[in-house]
Protein backbone atom coordinates (compact mmCIF):
# COMPACT_ATOMS: atom_id res chain seq x y z
CA MET A 1 33.31 -0.07 2.94
CA ALA A 2 30.31 1.02 5.01
CA GLU A 3 28.02 -1.76 6.15
CA THR A 4 24.39 -1.47 5.11
CA ASN A 5 21.44 -3.15 6.75
CA LEU A 6 19.19 -4.19 3.85
CA SER A 7 16.31 -6.57 4.31
CA ILE A 8 15.16 -8.66 1.40
CA ILE A 9 11.40 -9.09 1.33
CA PRO A 10 10.26 -12.32 -0.34
CA ASP A 11 8.21 -11.85 -3.52
CA GLU A 12 5.28 -13.79 -2.08
CA VAL A 13 4.99 -11.38 0.86
CA ILE A 14 4.65 -8.47 -1.54
CA SER A 15 2.37 -10.27 -4.01
CA ASN A 16 0.01 -11.19 -1.16
CA LYS A 17 -0.46 -7.47 -0.54
CA ILE A 18 -1.47 -6.64 -4.12
CA TYR A 19 -5.17 -6.44 -4.91
CA LEU A 20 -7.06 -5.98 -8.17
CA ILE A 21 -9.41 -3.02 -7.80
CA ARG A 22 -10.99 -1.10 -10.69
CA GLU A 23 -8.94 -3.31 -13.00
CA LYS A 24 -5.71 -1.96 -11.49
CA LYS A 25 -3.16 -3.70 -9.30
CA VAL A 26 -2.99 -1.75 -6.05
CA MET A 27 -1.49 -1.87 -2.58
CA PHE A 28 -3.01 -0.33 0.52
CA ASP A 29 -1.22 2.50 2.25
CA LYS A 30 -0.97 0.46 5.44
CA ASP A 31 0.85 -2.33 3.59
CA LEU A 32 3.24 0.07 1.85
CA ALA A 33 3.97 1.77 5.17
CA GLU A 34 4.72 -1.60 6.76
CA LEU A 35 7.10 -2.51 3.91
CA TYR A 36 8.93 0.81 4.31
CA GLY A 37 8.96 0.60 8.11
CA VAL A 38 7.00 3.82 8.68
CA THR A 39 3.57 4.66 10.02
CA THR A 40 0.66 4.94 7.60
CA GLY A 41 0.20 8.56 8.62
CA ASN A 42 3.82 9.42 7.86
CA LEU A 43 3.66 7.64 4.49
CA ASN A 44 0.56 9.60 3.51
CA LYS A 45 2.11 12.87 4.67
CA ALA A 46 5.24 12.20 2.60
CA VAL A 47 3.16 11.48 -0.49
CA LYS A 48 1.10 14.65 -0.01
CA ARG A 49 4.27 16.74 0.47
CA ASN A 50 5.71 15.32 -2.76
CA ILE A 51 2.53 14.82 -4.80
CA LYS A 52 4.12 16.24 -7.98
CA ARG A 53 6.49 13.27 -8.06
CA PHE A 54 3.63 10.82 -8.56
CA PRO A 55 1.42 10.20 -11.59
CA GLU A 56 -2.11 11.59 -11.40
CA ASP A 57 -3.62 8.11 -10.95
CA PHE A 58 -1.07 7.02 -8.31
CA MET A 59 -3.66 6.82 -5.55
CA PHE A 60 -7.37 6.77 -5.01
CA GLN A 61 -9.75 6.21 -2.16
CA LEU A 62 -11.99 3.16 -2.04
CA THR A 63 -15.73 3.63 -2.05
CA LYS A 64 -17.59 2.24 0.94
CA GLN A 65 -18.88 -0.61 -1.26
CA GLU A 66 -15.37 -1.48 -2.52
CA TYR A 67 -14.08 -1.52 1.04
CA GLU A 68 -16.93 -3.75 2.24
CA ASN A 69 -16.41 -6.12 -0.70
CA LEU A 70 -12.72 -6.46 0.17
CA LEU A 71 -13.54 -7.16 3.80
CA PHE A 72 -16.00 -9.85 2.76
CA GLN A 73 -13.67 -11.44 0.18
CA SER A 74 -10.63 -11.58 2.43
CA GLY A 75 -12.47 -12.46 5.63
CA ILE A 76 -10.94 -9.51 7.48
CA SER A 77 -12.78 -8.69 10.68
CA SER A 78 -12.99 -5.17 11.99
């Protein structure tokens, strides 16, 4: 049998990367890219190349106000 190198990511690591925005549970592209071990740019390129595989509401861009609110709520510094 071939050996596989699978990493198990604890549930709490994933759930800490889920946010409620516009009454939807979402993850940021940077967090998804990190989970998949790719760059954010490559993740976004792959999604754009295969956009027909995703539901219409799969992704959206935050407004400036939504982004600022998240920064304030989470205490993230720029």
